[in-house]
């Protein structure tokens, strides 16, 4: 009887205890970018030092959700306006996010902070499912990787900066792991990976600086010549192979296109 009463008392105390608050940014700004300008953009990794800042520039909302939940193209399902954006650059809505990470935060809390920011500003609601899917497996080429190891004291923020010109596209990536590179590739050239996400199977554990140069799929379709994204990856001593595998899906149950005011 005493044990039952004690258990009941503990349950009641637990119910009255305040719920543990999720970590969040100190301050954050979310704004819609002017339409029609996608020539330059920046997508970071979330490997940000405590007290640092998160800066996302000129990226679509689906790309930001992928970053927050560590998923790639075709791992996101939801409303068509979100998962199937138009190819007309003048009609694509892009966003800029500036956010300050608390000085006492841990790095593994930063994805949770970005998820909470999306929930607060875009009313995002999601759930996860595992499904069989077509994937692109990122592996090591037969001659081994040709990746530059990042300098330990490099002050540049980890991530990829992309530029698009009439002659093609290029990206400088700093301080990225192989897993982060797999995710970044999908944001840098989404038209190449419409059939499924990229899954890292390289086994590489380092942090690298990478330069990529390729032709956008739209440019190739228009008859221009130049390296594909697959060929750009091969120059790094890596390879992408299309296979059937299981992949975790993120299902968007609710999301608004216009963020609430800062």
C-alpha atoms as a PDB file:
ATOM      1  CA  UNK A   1       0.000   0.000   0.000  1.00  0.00           C
ATOM      2  CA  UNK A   2       2.821   2.365   0.951  1.00  0.00           C
ATOM      3  CA  UNK A   3       4.652   1.596  -2.314  1.00  0.00           C
ATOM      4  CA  UNK A   4       1.529   2.315  -4.348  1.00  0.00           C
ATOM      5  CA  UNK A   5       1.039   5.622  -2.522  1.00  0.00           C
ATOM      6  CA  UNK A   6       4.687   6.590  -3.106  1.00  0.00           C
ATOM      7  CA  UNK A   7       4.422   5.805  -6.810  1.00  0.00           C
ATOM      8  CA  UNK A   8       1.239   7.857  -7.068  1.00  0.00           C
ATOM      9  CA  UNK A   9       2.918  10.773  -5.281  1.00  0.00           C
ATOM     10  CA  UNK A  10       5.921  10.702  -7.630  1.00  0.00           C
ATOM     11  CA  UNK A  11       3.600  10.655 -10.651  1.00  0.00           C
ATOM     12  CA  UNK A  12       1.694  13.656  -9.318  1.00  0.00           C
ATOM     13  CA  UNK A  13       4.887  15.602  -8.659  1.00  0.00           C
ATOM     14  CA  UNK A  14       6.171  14.823 -12.160  1.00  0.00           C
ATOM     15  CA  UNK A  15       2.922  16.088 -13.655  1.00  0.00           C
ATOM     16  CA  UNK A  16       3.224  19.347 -11.700  1.00  0.00           C
ATOM     17  CA  UNK A  17       6.892  19.874 -12.627  1.00  0.00           C
ATOM     18  CA  UNK A  18       7.433  22.443 -15.392  1.00  0.00           C
ATOM     19  CA  UNK A  19       8.209  20.983 -18.810  1.00  0.00           C
ATOM     20  CA  UNK A  20      11.837  21.329 -19.850  1.00  0.00           C
ATOM     21  CA  UNK A  21      12.134  24.237 -22.270  1.00  0.00           C
ATOM     22  CA  UNK A  22      13.631  23.582 -25.684  1.00  0.00           C
ATOM     23  CA  UNK A  23      16.753  25.616 -26.506  1.00  0.00           C
ATOM     24  CA  UNK A  24      16.269  28.629 -28.734  1.00  0.00           C
ATOM     25  CA  UNK A  25      18.261  31.444 -30.318  1.00  0.00           C
ATOM     26  CA  UNK A  26      18.870  34.598 -28.299  1.00  0.00           C
ATOM     27  CA  UNK A  27      17.496  36.711 -31.141  1.00  0.00           C
ATOM     28  CA  UNK A  28      16.485  35.807 -34.679  1.00  0.00           C
ATOM     29  CA  UNK A  29      15.400  37.609 -37.817  1.00  0.00           C
ATOM     30  CA  UNK A  30      13.517  35.927 -40.676  1.00  0.00           C
ATOM     31  CA  UNK A  31      12.700  37.852 -43.829  1.00  0.00           C
ATOM     32  CA  UNK A  32      11.627  37.241 -47.409  1.00  0.00           C
ATOM     33  CA  UNK A  33      14.275  38.139 -49.999  1.00  0.00           C
ATOM     34  CA  UNK A  34      13.489  40.238 -53.091  1.00  0.00           C
ATOM     35  CA  UNK A  35      12.143  37.994 -55.891  1.00  0.00           C
ATOM     36  CA  UNK A  36      14.119  36.851 -58.916  1.00  0.00           C
ATOM     37  CA  UNK A  37      17.631  36.912 -57.431  1.00  0.00           C
ATOM     38  CA  UNK A  38      19.170  33.455 -56.936  1.00  0.00           C
ATOM     39  CA  UNK A  39      22.611  34.112 -58.409  1.00  0.00           C
ATOM     40  CA  UNK A  40      24.300  34.166 -54.989  1.00  0.00           C
ATOM     41  CA  UNK A  41      23.292  32.314 -51.864  1.00  0.00           C
ATOM     42  CA  UNK A  42      24.724  30.852 -48.692  1.00  0.00           C
ATOM     43  CA  UNK A  43      23.757  27.652 -46.909  1.00  0.00           C
ATOM     44  CA  UNK A  44      25.739  26.956 -43.736  1.00  0.00           C
ATOM     45  CA  UNK A  45      26.203  23.773 -41.806  1.00  0.00           C
ATOM     46  CA  UNK A  46      24.931  23.903 -38.233  1.00  0.00           C
ATOM     47  CA  UNK A  47      28.426  23.378 -36.841  1.00  0.00           C
ATOM     48  CA  UNK A  48      28.374  26.787 -35.163  1.00  0.00           C
ATOM     49  CA  UNK A  49      30.381  27.700 -32.084  1.00  0.00           C
ATOM     50  CA  UNK A  50      28.465  28.801 -28.954  1.00  0.00           C
ATOM     51  CA  UNK A  51      28.013  32.553 -29.078  1.00  0.00           C
ATOM     52  CA  UNK A  52      28.272  32.552 -32.872  1.00  0.00           C
ATOM     53  CA  UNK A  53      25.694  33.450 -35.487  1.00  0.00           C
ATOM     54  CA  UNK A  54      23.648  31.475 -37.983  1.00  0.00           C
ATOM     55  CA  UNK A  55      23.326  33.117 -41.396  1.00  0.00           C
ATOM     56  CA  UNK A  56      21.212  31.624 -44.188  1.00  0.00           C
ATOM     57  CA  UNK A  57      20.929  33.760 -47.301  1.00  0.00           C
ATOM     58  CA  UNK A  58      18.612  33.543 -50.311  1.00  0.00           C
ATOM     59  CA  UNK A  59      17.390  29.958 -49.751  1.00  0.00           C
ATOM     60  CA  UNK A  60      14.001  28.319 -50.218  1.00  0.00           C
ATOM     61  CA  UNK A  61      11.981  27.200 -47.210  1.00  0.00           C
ATOM     62  CA  UNK A  62      12.228  23.499 -48.123  1.00  0.00           C
ATOM     63  CA  UNK A  63      16.038  23.807 -48.136  1.00  0.00           C
ATOM     64  CA  UNK A  64      16.009  25.421 -44.679  1.00  0.00           C
ATOM     65  CA  UNK A  65      13.765  22.647 -43.325  1.00  0.00           C
ATOM     66  CA  UNK A  66      16.161  20.049 -44.781  1.00  0.00           C
ATOM     67  CA  UNK A  67      19.054  21.723 -42.984  1.00  0.00           C
ATOM     68  CA  UNK A  68      17.180  21.892 -39.676  1.00  0.00           C
ATOM     69  CA  UNK A  69      16.196  18.209 -39.751  1.00  0.00           C
ATOM     70  CA  UNK A  70      19.345  16.872 -41.470  1.00  0.00           C
ATOM     71  CA  UNK A  71      17.548  15.406 -44.479  1.00  0.00           C
ATOM     72  CA  UNK A  72      17.928  15.752 -48.234  1.00  0.00           C
ATOM     73  CA  UNK A  73      15.875  16.085 -51.398  1.00  0.00           C
ATOM     74  CA  UNK A  74      13.043  13.543 -51.641  1.00  0.00           C
ATOM     75  CA  UNK A  75      13.125  12.976 -47.888  1.00  0.00           C
ATOM     76  CA  UNK A  76      10.685  15.843 -47.490  1.00  0.00           C
ATOM     77  CA  UNK A  77       6.975  15.382 -48.207  1.00  0.00           C
ATOM     78  CA  UNK A  78       4.203  17.922 -47.809  1.00  0.00           C
ATOM     79  CA  UNK A  79       2.258  20.597 -49.686  1.00  0.00           C
ATOM     80  CA  UNK A  80       3.216  21.032 -53.349  1.00  0.00           C
ATOM     81  CA  UNK A  81       4.076  24.724 -52.953  1.00  0.00           C
ATOM     82  CA  UNK A  82       6.784  23.635 -50.498  1.00  0.00           C
ATOM     83  CA  UNK A  83       8.153  20.397 -51.994  1.00  0.00           C
ATOM     84  CA  UNK A  84       7.685  21.171 -55.707  1.00  0.00           C
ATOM     85  CA  UNK A  85       8.750  24.810 -56.141  1.00  0.00           C
ATOM     86  CA  UNK A  86       8.462  26.386 -59.563  1.00  0.00           C
ATOM     87  CA  UNK A  87      11.573  26.642 -61.731  1.00  0.00           C
ATOM     88  CA  UNK A  88      10.724  30.267 -62.554  1.00  0.00           C
ATOM     89  CA  UNK A  89      13.154  32.243 -60.344  1.00  0.00           C
ATOM     90  CA  UNK A  90      10.810  35.242 -60.268  1.00  0.00           C
ATOM     91  CA  UNK A  91       8.116  33.152 -58.572  1.00  0.00           C
ATOM     92  CA  UNK A  92      10.266  31.302 -56.004  1.00  0.00           C
ATOM     93  CA  UNK A  93      10.075  32.651 -52.455  1.00  0.00           C
ATOM     94  CA  UNK A  94      13.467  32.797 -50.768  1.00  0.00           C
ATOM     95  CA  UNK A  95      14.408  33.745 -47.234  1.00  0.00           C
ATOM     96  CA  UNK A  96      17.212  35.137 -45.133  1.00  0.00           C
ATOM     97  CA  UNK A  97      17.728  34.079 -41.520  1.00  0.00           C
ATOM     98  CA  UNK A  98      20.044  35.751 -39.030  1.00  0.00           C
ATOM     99  CA  UNK A  99      20.147  34.211 -35.572  1.00  0.00           C
ATOM    100  CA  UNK A 100      22.368  34.509 -32.504  1.00  0.00           C
ATOM    101  CA  UNK A 101      23.411  31.297 -30.715  1.00  0.00           C
ATOM    102  CA  UNK A 102      23.561  31.620 -26.901  1.00  0.00           C
ATOM    103  CA  UNK A 103      27.054  31.563 -25.434  1.00  0.00           C
ATOM    104  CA  UNK A 104      26.261  28.624 -23.163  1.00  0.00           C
ATOM    105  CA  UNK A 105      24.657  26.502 -25.911  1.00  0.00           C
ATOM    106  CA  UNK A 106      25.912  23.130 -27.089  1.00  0.00           C
ATOM    107  CA  UNK A 107      26.455  22.451 -30.785  1.00  0.00           C
ATOM    108  CA  UNK A 108      23.988  19.575 -30.822  1.00  0.00           C
ATOM    109  CA  UNK A 109      21.270  22.008 -29.661  1.00  0.00           C
ATOM    110  CA  UNK A 110      21.542  24.240 -32.732  1.00  0.00           C
ATOM    111  CA  UNK A 111      19.387  22.049 -35.032  1.00  0.00           C
ATOM    112  CA  UNK A 112      16.700  22.080 -32.311  1.00  0.00           C
ATOM    113  CA  UNK A 113      16.941  25.891 -32.191  1.00  0.00           C
ATOM    114  CA  UNK A 114      16.405  26.134 -35.952  1.00  0.00           C
ATOM    115  CA  UNK A 115      13.508  23.674 -35.775  1.00  0.00           C
ATOM    116  CA  UNK A 116      11.880  25.764 -33.044  1.00  0.00           C
ATOM    117  CA  UNK A 117      12.410  28.939 -35.051  1.00  0.00           C
ATOM    118  CA  UNK A 118      10.607  27.351 -38.020  1.00  0.00           C
ATOM    119  CA  UNK A 119       7.790  26.242 -35.726  1.00  0.00           C
ATOM    120  CA  UNK A 120       7.451  29.734 -34.254  1.00  0.00           C
ATOM    121  CA  UNK A 121       7.681  31.759 -37.468  1.00  0.00           C
ATOM    122  CA  UNK A 122       6.184  29.378 -40.067  1.00  0.00           C
ATOM    123  CA  UNK A 123       3.882  27.323 -37.765  1.00  0.00           C
ATOM    124  CA  UNK A 124       5.732  24.215 -38.982  1.00  0.00           C
ATOM    125  CA  UNK A 125       4.425  20.836 -37.803  1.00  0.00           C
ATOM    126  CA  UNK A 126       6.105  17.586 -38.925  1.00  0.00           C
ATOM    127  CA  UNK A 127       6.421  13.879 -38.237  1.00  0.00           C
ATOM    128  CA  UNK A 128       8.875  11.199 -39.431  1.00  0.00           C
ATOM    129  CA  UNK A 129       8.345   7.947 -41.342  1.00  0.00           C
ATOM    130  CA  UNK A 130      10.730   5.332 -42.754  1.00  0.00           C
ATOM    131  CA  UNK A 131      10.086   4.379 -46.388  1.00  0.00           C
ATOM    132  CA  UNK A 132      11.817   2.449 -49.151  1.00  0.00           C
ATOM    133  CA  UNK A 133      13.180   4.973 -51.620  1.00  0.00           C
ATOM    134  CA  UNK A 134      15.487   5.604 -54.532  1.00  0.00           C
ATOM    135  CA  UNK A 135      18.704   7.135 -53.178  1.00  0.00           C
ATOM    136  CA  UNK A 136      22.063   8.381 -54.417  1.00  0.00           C
ATOM    137  CA  UNK A 137      24.837   6.739 -52.411  1.00  0.00           C
ATOM    138  CA  UNK A 138      27.908   8.937 -51.888  1.00  0.00           C
ATOM    139  CA  UNK A 139      30.977   6.707 -51.758  1.00  0.00           C
ATOM    140  CA  UNK A 140      34.738   6.820 -52.258  1.00  0.00           C
ATOM    141  CA  UNK A 141      36.098   6.441 -55.812  1.00  0.00           C
ATOM    142  CA  UNK A 142      38.476   3.670 -56.827  1.00  0.00           C
ATOM    143  CA  UNK A 143      41.550   5.924 -56.463  1.00  0.00           C
ATOM    144  CA  UNK A 144      40.562   7.234 -53.039  1.00  0.00           C
ATOM    145  CA  UNK A 145      39.359  10.661 -51.877  1.00  0.00           C
ATOM    146  CA  UNK A 146      41.017  13.868 -53.042  1.00  0.00           C
ATOM    147  CA  UNK A 147      39.771  16.175 -50.317  1.00  0.00           C
ATOM    148  CA  UNK A 148      41.613  19.041 -48.655  1.00  0.00           C
ATOM    149  CA  UNK A 149      41.531  18.742 -44.870  1.00  0.00           C
ATOM    150  CA  UNK A 150      40.256  21.907 -43.191  1.00  0.00           C
ATOM    151  CA  UNK A 151      42.769  23.926 -41.210  1.00  0.00           C
ATOM    152  CA  UNK A 152      42.080  23.553 -37.461  1.00  0.00           C
ATOM    153  CA  UNK A 153      42.145  27.309 -36.819  1.00  0.00           C
ATOM    154  CA  UNK A 154      40.193  28.395 -39.900  1.00  0.00           C
ATOM    155  CA  UNK A 155      37.927  31.319 -38.933  1.00  0.00           C
ATOM    156  CA  UNK A 156      35.547  30.908 -41.880  1.00  0.00           C
ATOM    157  CA  UNK A 157      32.045  29.721 -41.041  1.00  0.00           C
ATOM    158  CA  UNK A 158      31.373  26.107 -42.100  1.00  0.00           C
ATOM    159  CA  UNK A 159      29.072  25.840 -45.096  1.00  0.00           C
ATOM    160  CA  UNK A 160      28.800  26.318 -48.841  1.00  0.00           C
ATOM    161  CA  UNK A 161      28.609  29.578 -50.780  1.00  0.00           C
ATOM    162  CA  UNK A 162      27.202  29.136 -54.284  1.00  0.00           C
ATOM    163  CA  UNK A 163      27.418  31.467 -57.262  1.00  0.00           C
ATOM    164  CA  UNK A 164      25.608  31.022 -60.588  1.00  0.00           C
ATOM    165  CA  UNK A 165      26.660  32.673 -63.851  1.00  0.00           C
ATOM    166  CA  UNK A 166      25.909  32.195 -67.545  1.00  0.00           C
ATOM    167  CA  UNK A 167      28.983  29.920 -67.689  1.00  0.00           C
ATOM    168  CA  UNK A 168      27.775  27.554 -64.963  1.00  0.00           C
ATOM    169  CA  UNK A 169      27.760  27.248 -61.187  1.00  0.00           C
ATOM    170  CA  UNK A 170      30.457  27.001 -58.539  1.00  0.00           C
ATOM    171  CA  UNK A 171      30.577  26.538 -54.794  1.00  0.00           C
ATOM    172  CA  UNK A 172      33.197  26.983 -52.095  1.00  0.00           C
ATOM    173  CA  UNK A 173      32.564  24.761 -49.082  1.00  0.00           C
ATOM    174  CA  UNK A 174      34.525  25.135 -45.858  1.00  0.00           C
ATOM    175  CA  UNK A 175      34.712  22.900 -42.824  1.00  0.00           C
ATOM    176  CA  UNK A 176      32.222  20.259 -44.011  1.00  0.00           C
ATOM    177  CA  UNK A 177      32.093  16.577 -43.161  1.00  0.00           C
ATOM    178  CA  UNK A 178      31.201  13.989 -45.805  1.00  0.00           C
ATOM    179  CA  UNK A 179      27.694  13.742 -44.352  1.00  0.00           C
ATOM    180  CA  UNK A 180      27.286  17.519 -44.488  1.00  0.00           C
ATOM    181  CA  UNK A 181      28.618  17.568 -48.046  1.00  0.00           C
ATOM    182  CA  UNK A 182      26.001  14.982 -49.050  1.00  0.00           C
ATOM    183  CA  UNK A 183      23.292  17.254 -47.718  1.00  0.00           C
ATOM    184  CA  UNK A 184      24.808  20.384 -49.252  1.00  0.00           C
ATOM    185  CA  UNK A 185      25.031  18.821 -52.725  1.00  0.00           C
ATOM    186  CA  UNK A 186      21.269  18.433 -52.749  1.00  0.00           C
ATOM    187  CA  UNK A 187      20.784  22.120 -51.962  1.00  0.00           C
ATOM    188  CA  UNK A 188      23.452  23.263 -54.415  1.00  0.00           C
ATOM    189  CA  UNK A 189      22.022  21.367 -57.404  1.00  0.00           C
ATOM    190  CA  UNK A 190      18.551  20.013 -56.546  1.00  0.00           C
ATOM    191  CA  UNK A 191      17.600  19.366 -60.186  1.00  0.00           C
ATOM    192  CA  UNK A 192      20.173  16.548 -60.339  1.00  0.00           C
ATOM    193  CA  UNK A 193      18.621  14.648 -57.444  1.00  0.00           C
ATOM    194  CA  UNK A 194      14.889  14.694 -58.045  1.00  0.00           C
ATOM    195  CA  UNK A 195      14.702  10.886 -57.800  1.00  0.00           C
ATOM    196  CA  UNK A 196      15.915  10.646 -54.223  1.00  0.00           C
ATOM    197  CA  UNK A 197      18.176  11.863 -51.417  1.00  0.00           C
ATOM    198  CA  UNK A 198      21.951  11.494 -51.135  1.00  0.00           C
ATOM    199  CA  UNK A 199      23.089   9.065 -48.430  1.00  0.00           C
ATOM    200  CA  UNK A 200      26.671   9.256 -47.136  1.00  0.00           C
ATOM    201  CA  UNK A 201      28.413   5.869 -47.257  1.00  0.00           C
ATOM    202  CA  UNK A 202      32.001   7.147 -47.581  1.00  0.00           C
ATOM    203  CA  UNK A 203      33.081   6.236 -44.063  1.00  0.00           C
ATOM    204  CA  UNK A 204      35.114   9.469 -43.982  1.00  0.00           C
ATOM    205  CA  UNK A 205      35.287  11.160 -40.589  1.00  0.00           C
ATOM    206  CA  UNK A 206      37.329  14.304 -41.298  1.00  0.00           C
ATOM    207  CA  UNK A 207      36.377  17.906 -41.987  1.00  0.00           C
ATOM    208  CA  UNK A 208      37.177  19.226 -45.460  1.00  0.00           C
ATOM    209  CA  UNK A 209      37.367  22.263 -47.734  1.00  0.00           C
ATOM    210  CA  UNK A 210      35.805  21.570 -51.122  1.00  0.00           C
ATOM    211  CA  UNK A 211      35.525  23.459 -54.408  1.00  0.00           C
ATOM    212  CA  UNK A 212      32.902  22.378 -56.932  1.00  0.00           C
ATOM    213  CA  UNK A 213      32.243  23.624 -60.459  1.00  0.00           C
ATOM    214  CA  UNK A 214      29.391  22.308 -62.593  1.00  0.00           C
ATOM    215  CA  UNK A 215      26.685  23.151 -65.109  1.00  0.00           C
ATOM    216  CA  UNK A 216      23.171  23.618 -63.827  1.00  0.00           C
ATOM    217  CA  UNK A 217      20.681  21.090 -65.174  1.00  0.00           C
ATOM    218  CA  UNK A 218      18.725  23.895 -66.842  1.00  0.00           C
ATOM    219  CA  UNK A 219      21.865  24.973 -68.697  1.00  0.00           C
ATOM    220  CA  UNK A 220      22.535  21.435 -69.921  1.00  0.00           C
ATOM    221  CA  UNK A 221      18.913  21.144 -71.045  1.00  0.00           C
ATOM    222  CA  UNK A 222      19.401  24.349 -73.019  1.00  0.00           C
ATOM    223  CA  UNK A 223      22.281  22.744 -74.982  1.00  0.00           C
ATOM    224  CA  UNK A 224      25.246  24.159 -73.058  1.00  0.00           C
ATOM    225  CA  UNK A 225      28.233  21.900 -72.377  1.00  0.00           C
ATOM    226  CA  UNK A 226      30.293  21.461 -69.253  1.00  0.00           C
ATOM    227  CA  UNK A 227      30.811  19.180 -66.230  1.00  0.00           C
ATOM    228  CA  UNK A 228      27.782  17.720 -64.509  1.00  0.00           C
ATOM    229  CA  UNK A 229      27.492  17.650 -60.725  1.00  0.00           C
ATOM    230  CA  UNK A 230      28.326  13.930 -60.868  1.00  0.00           C
ATOM    231  CA  UNK A 231      31.582  14.737 -62.694  1.00  0.00           C
ATOM    232  CA  UNK A 232      32.343  17.522 -60.224  1.00  0.00           C
ATOM    233  CA  UNK A 233      31.977  15.023 -57.370  1.00  0.00           C
ATOM    234  CA  UNK A 234      34.258  12.532 -59.171  1.00  0.00           C
ATOM    235  CA  UNK A 235      37.033  15.165 -59.198  1.00  0.00           C
ATOM    236  CA  UNK A 236      36.940  14.973 -55.404  1.00  0.00           C
ATOM    237  CA  UNK A 237      37.729  11.261 -55.553  1.00  0.00           C
ATOM    238  CA  UNK A 238      34.126  10.429 -54.652  1.00  0.00           C
ATOM    239  CA  UNK A 239      31.243   8.872 -56.576  1.00  0.00           C
ATOM    240  CA  UNK A 240      27.455   8.945 -56.610  1.00  0.00           C
ATOM    241  CA  UNK A 241      25.549   5.743 -57.374  1.00  0.00           C
ATOM    242  CA  UNK A 242      21.788   5.444 -57.732  1.00  0.00           C
ATOM    243  CA  UNK A 243      20.361   2.577 -55.640  1.00  0.00           C
ATOM    244  CA  UNK A 244      17.224   1.380 -53.893  1.00  0.00           C
ATOM    245  CA  UNK A 245      17.474   1.754 -50.115  1.00  0.00           C
ATOM    246  CA  UNK A 246      15.481   2.812 -47.078  1.00  0.00           C
ATOM    247  CA  UNK A 247      15.307   6.473 -46.149  1.00  0.00           C
ATOM    248  CA  UNK A 248      13.762   8.407 -43.312  1.00  0.00           C
ATOM    249  CA  UNK A 249      11.042  10.769 -44.520  1.00  0.00           C
ATOM    250  CA  UNK A 250      10.003  14.040 -42.910  1.00  0.00           C
ATOM    251  CA  UNK A 251       6.292  14.670 -43.461  1.00  0.00           C
ATOM    252  CA  UNK A 252       5.126  18.282 -43.228  1.00  0.00           C
ATOM    253  CA  UNK A 253       1.649  18.328 -41.687  1.00  0.00           C
ATOM    254  CA  UNK A 254       1.361  22.109 -41.544  1.00  0.00           C
ATOM    255  CA  UNK A 255       3.439  25.059 -42.722  1.00  0.00           C
ATOM    256  CA  UNK A 256       2.798  28.683 -43.646  1.00  0.00           C
ATOM    257  CA  UNK A 257       4.622  30.414 -46.469  1.00  0.00           C
ATOM    258  CA  UNK A 258       4.813  33.864 -44.874  1.00  0.00           C
ATOM    259  CA  UNK A 259       6.741  34.061 -41.595  1.00  0.00           C
ATOM    260  CA  UNK A 260       5.365  35.975 -38.631  1.00  0.00           C
ATOM    261  CA  UNK A 261       6.947  39.354 -37.974  1.00  0.00           C
ATOM    262  CA  UNK A 262      10.313  39.572 -36.221  1.00  0.00           C
END
